[in-house]
């Protein structure tokens, strides 16, 4: 196997490894929508849009947040252009990279192969530039849409604005992925096995940074539990046959509906009234025990 075949084989194996990882992420998200931090951020952006558009006096907050995102995307897009220009300047002088490769390889590669290794850099940096420019474009659109609510029947809804904002967030994430792909490509300049090692290291790092931190998931679960009001004390039975000591103890009496069936009609405390978790109607007059959803 010559050098060209070995390099192409290792390149294909590294690309397959990175692609398999992202396919795994996609399949895992179908089972667990909160598995990646990107999915959690997308949900946070939706909540942020609804919060901004539902309240007054939050226009400055929206503008400042979108301005920060736009500046970050603009900076990264400009950096991608500079890197593209640098790679283009290196392509005509690919044969001059051979002495550098000798430092870590037992033999020097041909100038054509060294030039071939620079082409993937152009691809990933062009992808990064395109993704970041799309993110900036959509961030600018969101700046107008988010302040156009209530302008009539055709005014944008929070769901539409959140969709556009999440699209810009996805383009931003794709641009960052393109930057990450340049790391194993740098190692490839020194040999094919360095490329494979860089791809393995990249997948390991991405697996760490993509997962939602366990502390965030635990906090989210605790917040969901705290949002629901606590049930009344279990010794109160809101649907049961009246006992002899109910009147004496002040326990609530079930009201009798048409047809002789008893229903729990006891007034709940204000913090429980109307909550779907405690909206119950029990038709069995012999039901015993605390009501439940």
C-alpha atoms as a PDB file:
ATOM      1  CA  UNK A   1       0.000   0.000   0.000  1.00  0.00           C
ATOM      2  CA  UNK A   2       1.515   3.295  -1.060  1.00  0.00           C
ATOM      3  CA  UNK A   3       1.350   6.555   0.842  1.00  0.00           C
ATOM      4  CA  UNK A   4      -1.614   7.927  -1.081  1.00  0.00           C
ATOM      5  CA  UNK A   5      -3.754   4.835  -0.476  1.00  0.00           C
ATOM      6  CA  UNK A   6      -2.839   4.762   3.212  1.00  0.00           C
ATOM      7  CA  UNK A   7      -3.689   8.420   3.683  1.00  0.00           C
ATOM      8  CA  UNK A   8      -7.012   8.097   1.870  1.00  0.00           C
ATOM      9  CA  UNK A   9      -7.922   4.984   3.860  1.00  0.00           C
ATOM     10  CA  UNK A  10      -7.167   6.629   7.198  1.00  0.00           C
ATOM     11  CA  UNK A  11      -9.006   9.774   6.106  1.00  0.00           C
ATOM     12  CA  UNK A  12     -12.101   7.712   5.237  1.00  0.00           C
ATOM     13  CA  UNK A  13     -11.924   5.883   8.575  1.00  0.00           C
ATOM     14  CA  UNK A  14     -11.624   9.162  10.499  1.00  0.00           C
ATOM     15  CA  UNK A  15     -14.529  10.724   8.600  1.00  0.00           C
ATOM     16  CA  UNK A  16     -16.655   7.617   9.233  1.00  0.00           C
ATOM     17  CA  UNK A  17     -15.853   7.797  12.953  1.00  0.00           C
ATOM     18  CA  UNK A  18     -16.934  11.433  13.253  1.00  0.00           C
ATOM     19  CA  UNK A  19     -20.043  10.848  11.132  1.00  0.00           C
ATOM     20  CA  UNK A  20     -21.015   7.801  13.217  1.00  0.00           C
ATOM     21  CA  UNK A  21     -20.780   9.870  16.384  1.00  0.00           C
ATOM     22  CA  UNK A  22     -23.167  12.500  15.032  1.00  0.00           C
ATOM     23  CA  UNK A  23     -25.588   9.818  13.830  1.00  0.00           C
ATOM     24  CA  UNK A  24     -25.471   8.365  17.338  1.00  0.00           C
ATOM     25  CA  UNK A  25     -26.296  11.797  18.769  1.00  0.00           C
ATOM     26  CA  UNK A  26     -29.249  12.114  16.416  1.00  0.00           C
ATOM     27  CA  UNK A  27     -30.616   8.705  17.398  1.00  0.00           C
ATOM     28  CA  UNK A  28     -30.076   9.396  21.101  1.00  0.00           C
ATOM     29  CA  UNK A  29     -31.961  12.693  20.884  1.00  0.00           C
ATOM     30  CA  UNK A  30     -35.028  10.863  19.598  1.00  0.00           C
ATOM     31  CA  UNK A  31     -35.138   8.865  22.826  1.00  0.00           C
ATOM     32  CA  UNK A  32     -33.969  11.607  25.169  1.00  0.00           C
ATOM     33  CA  UNK A  33     -34.693  15.169  23.932  1.00  0.00           C
ATOM     34  CA  UNK A  34     -32.540  16.650  26.723  1.00  0.00           C
ATOM     35  CA  UNK A  35     -29.455  14.518  26.086  1.00  0.00           C
ATOM     36  CA  UNK A  36     -27.383  17.269  24.434  1.00  0.00           C
ATOM     37  CA  UNK A  37     -26.690  20.756  25.680  1.00  0.00           C
ATOM     38  CA  UNK A  38     -27.679  22.066  22.241  1.00  0.00           C
ATOM     39  CA  UNK A  39     -31.215  20.725  22.706  1.00  0.00           C
ATOM     40  CA  UNK A  40     -31.426  22.302  26.158  1.00  0.00           C
ATOM     41  CA  UNK A  41     -30.219  25.618  24.735  1.00  0.00           C
ATOM     42  CA  UNK A  42     -32.839  25.436  21.985  1.00  0.00           C
ATOM     43  CA  UNK A  43     -35.544  25.036  24.600  1.00  0.00           C
ATOM     44  CA  UNK A  44     -34.059  27.914  26.595  1.00  0.00           C
ATOM     45  CA  UNK A  45     -34.178  30.140  23.507  1.00  0.00           C
ATOM     46  CA  UNK A  46     -37.872  29.344  23.056  1.00  0.00           C
ATOM     47  CA  UNK A  47     -38.564  30.287  26.669  1.00  0.00           C
ATOM     48  CA  UNK A  48     -36.501  33.459  26.261  1.00  0.00           C
ATOM     49  CA  UNK A  49     -38.502  34.544  23.203  1.00  0.00           C
ATOM     50  CA  UNK A  50     -41.832  33.965  24.950  1.00  0.00           C
ATOM     51  CA  UNK A  51     -40.556  35.871  27.981  1.00  0.00           C
ATOM     52  CA  UNK A  52     -39.380  38.843  25.904  1.00  0.00           C
ATOM     53  CA  UNK A  53     -42.526  39.047  23.767  1.00  0.00           C
ATOM     54  CA  UNK A  54     -44.943  38.608  26.667  1.00  0.00           C
ATOM     55  CA  UNK A  55     -43.648  41.465  28.782  1.00  0.00           C
ATOM     56  CA  UNK A  56     -43.135  45.189  28.395  1.00  0.00           C
ATOM     57  CA  UNK A  57     -39.899  47.037  28.942  1.00  0.00           C
ATOM     58  CA  UNK A  58     -37.683  44.145  27.818  1.00  0.00           C
ATOM     59  CA  UNK A  59     -36.756  45.576  24.424  1.00  0.00           C
ATOM     60  CA  UNK A  60     -33.302  46.679  25.569  1.00  0.00           C
ATOM     61  CA  UNK A  61     -32.565  43.216  26.965  1.00  0.00           C
ATOM     62  CA  UNK A  62     -33.544  41.614  23.663  1.00  0.00           C
ATOM     63  CA  UNK A  63     -31.422  44.026  21.620  1.00  0.00           C
ATOM     64  CA  UNK A  64     -28.362  43.568  23.835  1.00  0.00           C
ATOM     65  CA  UNK A  65     -28.596  39.775  23.761  1.00  0.00           C
ATOM     66  CA  UNK A  66     -29.016  39.640  19.989  1.00  0.00           C
ATOM     67  CA  UNK A  67     -26.201  42.157  19.531  1.00  0.00           C
ATOM     68  CA  UNK A  68     -23.825  39.949  21.516  1.00  0.00           C
ATOM     69  CA  UNK A  69     -24.758  36.916  19.418  1.00  0.00           C
ATOM     70  CA  UNK A  70     -24.350  38.897  16.198  1.00  0.00           C
ATOM     71  CA  UNK A  71     -20.919  40.170  17.228  1.00  0.00           C
ATOM     72  CA  UNK A  72     -19.749  36.648  18.075  1.00  0.00           C
ATOM     73  CA  UNK A  73     -20.958  35.288  14.740  1.00  0.00           C
ATOM     74  CA  UNK A  74     -19.366  38.180  12.843  1.00  0.00           C
ATOM     75  CA  UNK A  75     -16.017  37.675  14.555  1.00  0.00           C
ATOM     76  CA  UNK A  76     -15.961  33.938  13.814  1.00  0.00           C
ATOM     77  CA  UNK A  77     -17.009  34.487  10.190  1.00  0.00           C
ATOM     78  CA  UNK A  78     -14.194  37.014   9.749  1.00  0.00           C
ATOM     79  CA  UNK A  79     -11.748  34.555  11.290  1.00  0.00           C
ATOM     80  CA  UNK A  80     -12.867  31.869   8.843  1.00  0.00           C
ATOM     81  CA  UNK A  81     -12.167  34.205   5.919  1.00  0.00           C
ATOM     82  CA  UNK A  82      -8.658  34.913   7.210  1.00  0.00           C
ATOM     83  CA  UNK A  83      -7.986  31.194   7.570  1.00  0.00           C
ATOM     84  CA  UNK A  84      -9.268  30.568   4.048  1.00  0.00           C
ATOM     85  CA  UNK A  85      -6.891  33.172   2.672  1.00  0.00           C
ATOM     86  CA  UNK A  86      -4.015  31.606   4.573  1.00  0.00           C
ATOM     87  CA  UNK A  87      -4.753  28.134   3.206  1.00  0.00           C
ATOM     88  CA  UNK A  88      -5.076  29.481  -0.342  1.00  0.00           C
ATOM     89  CA  UNK A  89      -1.636  31.061   0.002  1.00  0.00           C
ATOM     90  CA  UNK A  90      -0.192  27.731   1.173  1.00  0.00           C
ATOM     91  CA  UNK A  91      -1.586  25.610  -1.667  1.00  0.00           C
ATOM     92  CA  UNK A  92       0.908  26.759  -4.360  1.00  0.00           C
ATOM     93  CA  UNK A  93       3.749  26.046  -1.929  1.00  0.00           C
ATOM     94  CA  UNK A  94       2.687  22.599  -0.757  1.00  0.00           C
ATOM     95  CA  UNK A  95       6.078  21.122  -1.546  1.00  0.00           C
ATOM     96  CA  UNK A  96       7.630  23.407   1.070  1.00  0.00           C
ATOM     97  CA  UNK A  97       5.652  21.590   3.778  1.00  0.00           C
ATOM     98  CA  UNK A  98       7.682  18.426   3.168  1.00  0.00           C
ATOM     99  CA  UNK A  99      10.617  19.389   5.465  1.00  0.00           C
ATOM    100  CA  UNK A 100       8.118  20.064   8.257  1.00  0.00           C
ATOM    101  CA  UNK A 101       6.574  16.628   7.812  1.00  0.00           C
ATOM    102  CA  UNK A 102      10.013  15.008   8.017  1.00  0.00           C
ATOM    103  CA  UNK A 103      10.195  15.999  11.670  1.00  0.00           C
ATOM    104  CA  UNK A 104       7.498  13.493  12.636  1.00  0.00           C
ATOM    105  CA  UNK A 105       7.536  11.054   9.710  1.00  0.00           C
ATOM    106  CA  UNK A 106      10.169   8.587   8.634  1.00  0.00           C
ATOM    107  CA  UNK A 107       9.952   9.731   5.036  1.00  0.00           C
ATOM    108  CA  UNK A 108       8.785  12.841   3.276  1.00  0.00           C
ATOM    109  CA  UNK A 109       5.568  12.958   1.301  1.00  0.00           C
ATOM    110  CA  UNK A 110       5.286  14.118  -2.239  1.00  0.00           C
ATOM    111  CA  UNK A 111       4.374  17.735  -2.808  1.00  0.00           C
ATOM    112  CA  UNK A 112       1.107  16.774  -4.528  1.00  0.00           C
ATOM    113  CA  UNK A 113      -0.063  14.813  -1.491  1.00  0.00           C
ATOM    114  CA  UNK A 114       0.880  17.669   0.815  1.00  0.00           C
ATOM    115  CA  UNK A 115      -1.185  20.002  -1.351  1.00  0.00           C
ATOM    116  CA  UNK A 116      -4.075  17.521  -1.325  1.00  0.00           C
ATOM    117  CA  UNK A 117      -4.108  17.623   2.465  1.00  0.00           C
ATOM    118  CA  UNK A 118      -4.774  21.359   2.372  1.00  0.00           C
ATOM    119  CA  UNK A 119      -8.003  21.042   0.387  1.00  0.00           C
ATOM    120  CA  UNK A 120     -10.101  19.748   3.339  1.00  0.00           C
ATOM    121  CA  UNK A 121      -9.086  22.885   5.225  1.00  0.00           C
ATOM    122  CA  UNK A 122     -10.723  24.980   2.529  1.00  0.00           C
ATOM    123  CA  UNK A 123     -13.891  22.889   2.747  1.00  0.00           C
ATOM    124  CA  UNK A 124     -14.301  23.145   6.529  1.00  0.00           C
ATOM    125  CA  UNK A 125     -13.428  26.849   6.649  1.00  0.00           C
ATOM    126  CA  UNK A 126     -15.818  27.667   3.809  1.00  0.00           C
ATOM    127  CA  UNK A 127     -18.534  25.738   5.667  1.00  0.00           C
ATOM    128  CA  UNK A 128     -17.722  27.664   8.841  1.00  0.00           C
ATOM    129  CA  UNK A 129     -17.899  30.986   7.003  1.00  0.00           C
ATOM    130  CA  UNK A 130     -21.240  30.115   5.402  1.00  0.00           C
ATOM    131  CA  UNK A 131     -22.779  28.899   8.670  1.00  0.00           C
ATOM    132  CA  UNK A 132     -21.672  31.923  10.670  1.00  0.00           C
ATOM    133  CA  UNK A 133     -22.899  34.367   8.033  1.00  0.00           C
ATOM    134  CA  UNK A 134     -26.284  32.618   8.018  1.00  0.00           C
ATOM    135  CA  UNK A 135     -26.385  32.825  11.809  1.00  0.00           C
ATOM    136  CA  UNK A 136     -25.678  36.576  11.689  1.00  0.00           C
ATOM    137  CA  UNK A 137     -28.334  37.059   9.002  1.00  0.00           C
ATOM    138  CA  UNK A 138     -30.984  35.268  11.050  1.00  0.00           C
ATOM    139  CA  UNK A 139     -30.001  37.076  14.255  1.00  0.00           C
ATOM    140  CA  UNK A 140     -30.676  40.348  12.426  1.00  0.00           C
ATOM    141  CA  UNK A 141     -34.089  39.070  11.333  1.00  0.00           C
ATOM    142  CA  UNK A 142     -34.946  38.100  14.909  1.00  0.00           C
ATOM    143  CA  UNK A 143     -34.118  41.630  16.057  1.00  0.00           C
ATOM    144  CA  UNK A 144     -36.965  42.954  13.894  1.00  0.00           C
ATOM    145  CA  UNK A 145     -39.403  40.092  14.433  1.00  0.00           C
ATOM    146  CA  UNK A 146     -39.207  40.052  18.207  1.00  0.00           C
ATOM    147  CA  UNK A 147     -40.346  43.698  18.439  1.00  0.00           C
ATOM    148  CA  UNK A 148     -43.125  43.393  15.848  1.00  0.00           C
ATOM    149  CA  UNK A 149     -45.646  41.526  17.987  1.00  0.00           C
ATOM    150  CA  UNK A 150     -49.121  42.996  18.359  1.00  0.00           C
ATOM    151  CA  UNK A 151     -48.901  44.869  15.064  1.00  0.00           C
ATOM    152  CA  UNK A 152     -51.981  43.238  13.593  1.00  0.00           C
ATOM    153  CA  UNK A 153     -53.284  39.939  12.342  1.00  0.00           C
ATOM    154  CA  UNK A 154     -50.072  39.236  10.424  1.00  0.00           C
ATOM    155  CA  UNK A 155     -47.675  40.040  13.243  1.00  0.00           C
ATOM    156  CA  UNK A 156     -45.119  37.305  14.036  1.00  0.00           C
ATOM    157  CA  UNK A 157     -45.989  34.905  16.811  1.00  0.00           C
ATOM    158  CA  UNK A 158     -43.540  33.871  19.546  1.00  0.00           C
ATOM    159  CA  UNK A 159     -43.415  30.387  18.013  1.00  0.00           C
ATOM    160  CA  UNK A 160     -42.271  31.818  14.665  1.00  0.00           C
ATOM    161  CA  UNK A 161     -39.635  34.038  16.262  1.00  0.00           C
ATOM    162  CA  UNK A 162     -38.364  31.130  18.362  1.00  0.00           C
ATOM    163  CA  UNK A 163     -38.124  28.998  15.211  1.00  0.00           C
ATOM    164  CA  UNK A 164     -36.000  31.618  13.432  1.00  0.00           C
ATOM    165  CA  UNK A 165     -33.818  32.092  16.513  1.00  0.00           C
ATOM    166  CA  UNK A 166     -33.238  28.350  16.826  1.00  0.00           C
ATOM    167  CA  UNK A 167     -32.302  28.169  13.148  1.00  0.00           C
ATOM    168  CA  UNK A 168     -29.641  30.796  13.735  1.00  0.00           C
ATOM    169  CA  UNK A 169     -28.465  28.843  16.771  1.00  0.00           C
ATOM    170  CA  UNK A 170     -28.147  25.679  14.677  1.00  0.00           C
ATOM    171  CA  UNK A 171     -26.093  27.488  12.033  1.00  0.00           C
ATOM    172  CA  UNK A 172     -23.853  28.849  14.770  1.00  0.00           C
ATOM    173  CA  UNK A 173     -23.382  25.325  16.133  1.00  0.00           C
ATOM    174  CA  UNK A 174     -22.591  23.967  12.651  1.00  0.00           C
ATOM    175  CA  UNK A 175     -19.970  26.670  12.209  1.00  0.00           C
ATOM    176  CA  UNK A 176     -18.305  25.710  15.466  1.00  0.00           C
ATOM    177  CA  UNK A 177     -18.323  22.055  14.370  1.00  0.00           C
ATOM    178  CA  UNK A 178     -16.531  23.070  11.196  1.00  0.00           C
ATOM    179  CA  UNK A 179     -13.833  24.729  13.277  1.00  0.00           C
ATOM    180  CA  UNK A 180     -13.510  21.588  15.388  1.00  0.00           C
ATOM    181  CA  UNK A 181     -12.975  19.464  12.278  1.00  0.00           C
ATOM    182  CA  UNK A 182      -9.853  21.449  11.461  1.00  0.00           C
ATOM    183  CA  UNK A 183      -8.086  20.016  14.531  1.00  0.00           C
ATOM    184  CA  UNK A 184      -7.553  16.454  13.187  1.00  0.00           C
ATOM    185  CA  UNK A 185      -6.763  17.938   9.778  1.00  0.00           C
ATOM    186  CA  UNK A 186      -3.821  19.787  11.320  1.00  0.00           C
ATOM    187  CA  UNK A 187      -2.518  16.490  12.704  1.00  0.00           C
ATOM    188  CA  UNK A 188      -2.923  14.951   9.258  1.00  0.00           C
ATOM    189  CA  UNK A 189      -0.145  17.211   7.980  1.00  0.00           C
ATOM    190  CA  UNK A 190       2.269  15.151  10.075  1.00  0.00           C
ATOM    191  CA  UNK A 191       1.018  11.733   9.035  1.00  0.00           C
ATOM    192  CA  UNK A 192      -2.114   9.599   8.557  1.00  0.00           C
ATOM    193  CA  UNK A 193      -1.994   7.979  11.983  1.00  0.00           C
ATOM    194  CA  UNK A 194      -1.930  11.393  13.620  1.00  0.00           C
ATOM    195  CA  UNK A 195      -5.151  12.125  11.751  1.00  0.00           C
ATOM    196  CA  UNK A 196      -6.810   9.031  13.191  1.00  0.00           C
ATOM    197  CA  UNK A 197      -5.591   9.883  16.693  1.00  0.00           C
ATOM    198  CA  UNK A 198      -6.904  13.428  16.302  1.00  0.00           C
ATOM    199  CA  UNK A 199     -10.306  12.143  15.149  1.00  0.00           C
ATOM    200  CA  UNK A 200     -10.565   9.820  18.155  1.00  0.00           C
ATOM    201  CA  UNK A 201      -9.585  12.647  20.507  1.00  0.00           C
ATOM    202  CA  UNK A 202     -12.100  14.990  18.856  1.00  0.00           C
ATOM    203  CA  UNK A 203     -14.957  12.501  19.262  1.00  0.00           C
ATOM    204  CA  UNK A 204     -14.023  11.985  22.914  1.00  0.00           C
ATOM    205  CA  UNK A 205     -14.017  15.737  23.580  1.00  0.00           C
ATOM    206  CA  UNK A 206     -17.290  16.271  21.695  1.00  0.00           C
ATOM    207  CA  UNK A 207     -18.908  13.447  23.639  1.00  0.00           C
ATOM    208  CA  UNK A 208     -17.982  15.268  26.827  1.00  0.00           C
ATOM    209  CA  UNK A 209     -19.037  18.782  25.797  1.00  0.00           C
ATOM    210  CA  UNK A 210     -22.235  17.776  23.948  1.00  0.00           C
ATOM    211  CA  UNK A 211     -23.890  15.986  26.838  1.00  0.00           C
ATOM    212  CA  UNK A 212     -26.133  17.945  29.142  1.00  0.00           C
ATOM    213  CA  UNK A 213     -24.477  18.236  32.582  1.00  0.00           C
ATOM    214  CA  UNK A 214     -26.093  15.955  35.127  1.00  0.00           C
ATOM    215  CA  UNK A 215     -26.401  18.859  37.576  1.00  0.00           C
ATOM    216  CA  UNK A 216     -28.532  20.742  35.053  1.00  0.00           C
ATOM    217  CA  UNK A 217     -30.808  17.752  34.530  1.00  0.00           C
ATOM    218  CA  UNK A 218     -31.217  17.283  38.286  1.00  0.00           C
ATOM    219  CA  UNK A 219     -31.998  20.977  38.756  1.00  0.00           C
ATOM    220  CA  UNK A 220     -34.522  20.826  35.910  1.00  0.00           C
ATOM    221  CA  UNK A 221     -36.207  17.805  37.465  1.00  0.00           C
ATOM    222  CA  UNK A 222     -36.377  19.477  40.875  1.00  0.00           C
ATOM    223  CA  UNK A 223     -37.805  22.638  39.303  1.00  0.00           C
ATOM    224  CA  UNK A 224     -40.547  20.628  37.610  1.00  0.00           C
ATOM    225  CA  UNK A 225     -41.452  19.072  40.937  1.00  0.00           C
ATOM    226  CA  UNK A 226     -41.446  22.433  42.699  1.00  0.00           C
ATOM    227  CA  UNK A 227     -43.723  23.982  40.058  1.00  0.00           C
ATOM    228  CA  UNK A 228     -46.575  21.616  40.952  1.00  0.00           C
ATOM    229  CA  UNK A 229     -48.395  22.443  44.216  1.00  0.00           C
ATOM    230  CA  UNK A 230     -48.171  19.827  46.895  1.00  0.00           C
ATOM    231  CA  UNK A 231     -51.189  17.650  47.520  1.00  0.00           C
ATOM    232  CA  UNK A 232     -53.207  18.152  50.693  1.00  0.00           C
ATOM    233  CA  UNK A 233     -52.453  15.998  53.695  1.00  0.00           C
ATOM    234  CA  UNK A 234     -53.206  12.321  53.020  1.00  0.00           C
ATOM    235  CA  UNK A 235     -55.522  11.960  56.005  1.00  0.00           C
ATOM    236  CA  UNK A 236     -58.145  14.067  54.206  1.00  0.00           C
ATOM    237  CA  UNK A 237     -60.379  11.935  51.997  1.00  0.00           C
ATOM    238  CA  UNK A 238     -62.163  14.040  49.407  1.00  0.00           C
ATOM    239  CA  UNK A 239     -64.431  11.329  48.043  1.00  0.00           C
ATOM    240  CA  UNK A 240     -65.807   8.771  50.441  1.00  0.00           C
ATOM    241  CA  UNK A 241     -68.958   7.698  52.181  1.00  0.00           C
ATOM    242  CA  UNK A 242     -69.800  10.053  55.019  1.00  0.00           C
ATOM    243  CA  UNK A 243     -68.806   8.630  58.357  1.00  0.00           C
ATOM    244  CA  UNK A 244     -70.534   9.269  61.616  1.00  0.00           C
ATOM    245  CA  UNK A 245     -67.769  11.461  62.956  1.00  0.00           C
ATOM    246  CA  UNK A 246     -67.332  13.528  59.777  1.00  0.00           C
ATOM    247  CA  UNK A 247     -69.597  16.314  60.960  1.00  0.00           C
ATOM    248  CA  UNK A 248     -68.047  16.322  64.377  1.00  0.00           C
ATOM    249  CA  UNK A 249     -64.505  16.487  63.038  1.00  0.00           C
ATOM    250  CA  UNK A 250     -65.353  18.974  60.299  1.00  0.00           C
ATOM    251  CA  UNK A 251     -64.412  16.643  57.453  1.00  0.00           C
ATOM    252  CA  UNK A 252     -65.913  17.593  54.055  1.00  0.00           C
ATOM    253  CA  UNK A 253     -69.102  15.921  52.872  1.00  0.00           C
ATOM    254  CA  UNK A 254     -69.413  14.593  49.295  1.00  0.00           C
ATOM    255  CA  UNK A 255     -72.199  16.277  47.348  1.00  0.00           C
ATOM    256  CA  UNK A 256     -74.750  13.975  45.722  1.00  0.00           C
ATOM    257  CA  UNK A 257     -75.300  14.462  42.000  1.00  0.00           C
ATOM    258  CA  UNK A 258     -78.298  13.450  39.907  1.00  0.00           C
ATOM    259  CA  UNK A 259     -78.779   9.699  39.981  1.00  0.00           C
ATOM    260  CA  UNK A 260     -77.577   9.291  43.513  1.00  0.00           C
ATOM    261  CA  UNK A 261     -73.830   9.232  42.738  1.00  0.00           C
ATOM    262  CA  UNK A 262     -71.529  11.104  45.044  1.00  0.00           C
ATOM    263  CA  UNK A 263     -68.872  13.426  43.660  1.00  0.00           C
ATOM    264  CA  UNK A 264     -66.038  15.145  45.450  1.00  0.00           C
ATOM    265  CA  UNK A 265     -67.058  18.798  45.546  1.00  0.00           C
ATOM    266  CA  UNK A 266     -64.878  19.992  48.395  1.00  0.00           C
ATOM    267  CA  UNK A 267     -63.370  23.379  47.738  1.00  0.00           C
ATOM    268  CA  UNK A 268     -59.607  23.179  47.418  1.00  0.00           C
ATOM    269  CA  UNK A 269     -57.230  25.779  48.742  1.00  0.00           C
ATOM    270  CA  UNK A 270     -56.595  28.625  46.336  1.00  0.00           C
ATOM    271  CA  UNK A 271     -53.120  27.426  45.341  1.00  0.00           C
ATOM    272  CA  UNK A 272     -54.601  24.072  44.190  1.00  0.00           C
ATOM    273  CA  UNK A 273     -57.757  25.350  42.521  1.00  0.00           C
ATOM    274  CA  UNK A 274     -57.800  24.873  38.785  1.00  0.00           C
ATOM    275  CA  UNK A 275     -54.511  22.976  38.674  1.00  0.00           C
ATOM    276  CA  UNK A 276     -54.867  20.032  36.245  1.00  0.00           C
ATOM    277  CA  UNK A 277     -53.047  17.713  38.607  1.00  0.00           C
ATOM    278  CA  UNK A 278     -55.840  18.071  41.159  1.00  0.00           C
ATOM    279  CA  UNK A 279     -58.871  18.289  38.875  1.00  0.00           C
ATOM    280  CA  UNK A 280     -60.771  15.154  39.891  1.00  0.00           C
ATOM    281  CA  UNK A 281     -64.318  13.874  39.747  1.00  0.00           C
ATOM    282  CA  UNK A 282     -64.984  10.542  41.430  1.00  0.00           C
ATOM    283  CA  UNK A 283     -68.264   8.876  40.511  1.00  0.00           C
ATOM    284  CA  UNK A 284     -68.010   5.905  42.869  1.00  0.00           C
ATOM    285  CA  UNK A 285     -69.713   6.686  46.200  1.00  0.00           C
ATOM    286  CA  UNK A 286     -67.689   3.932  47.876  1.00  0.00           C
ATOM    287  CA  UNK A 287     -64.361   5.401  46.771  1.00  0.00           C
ATOM    288  CA  UNK A 288     -62.011   5.683  49.691  1.00  0.00           C
ATOM    289  CA  UNK A 289     -58.663   7.378  49.989  1.00  0.00           C
ATOM    290  CA  UNK A 290     -57.118  10.622  48.831  1.00  0.00           C
ATOM    291  CA  UNK A 291     -57.980  11.784  45.330  1.00  0.00           C
ATOM    292  CA  UNK A 292     -55.363  11.741  42.619  1.00  0.00           C
ATOM    293  CA  UNK A 293     -54.879  12.856  39.037  1.00  0.00           C
END
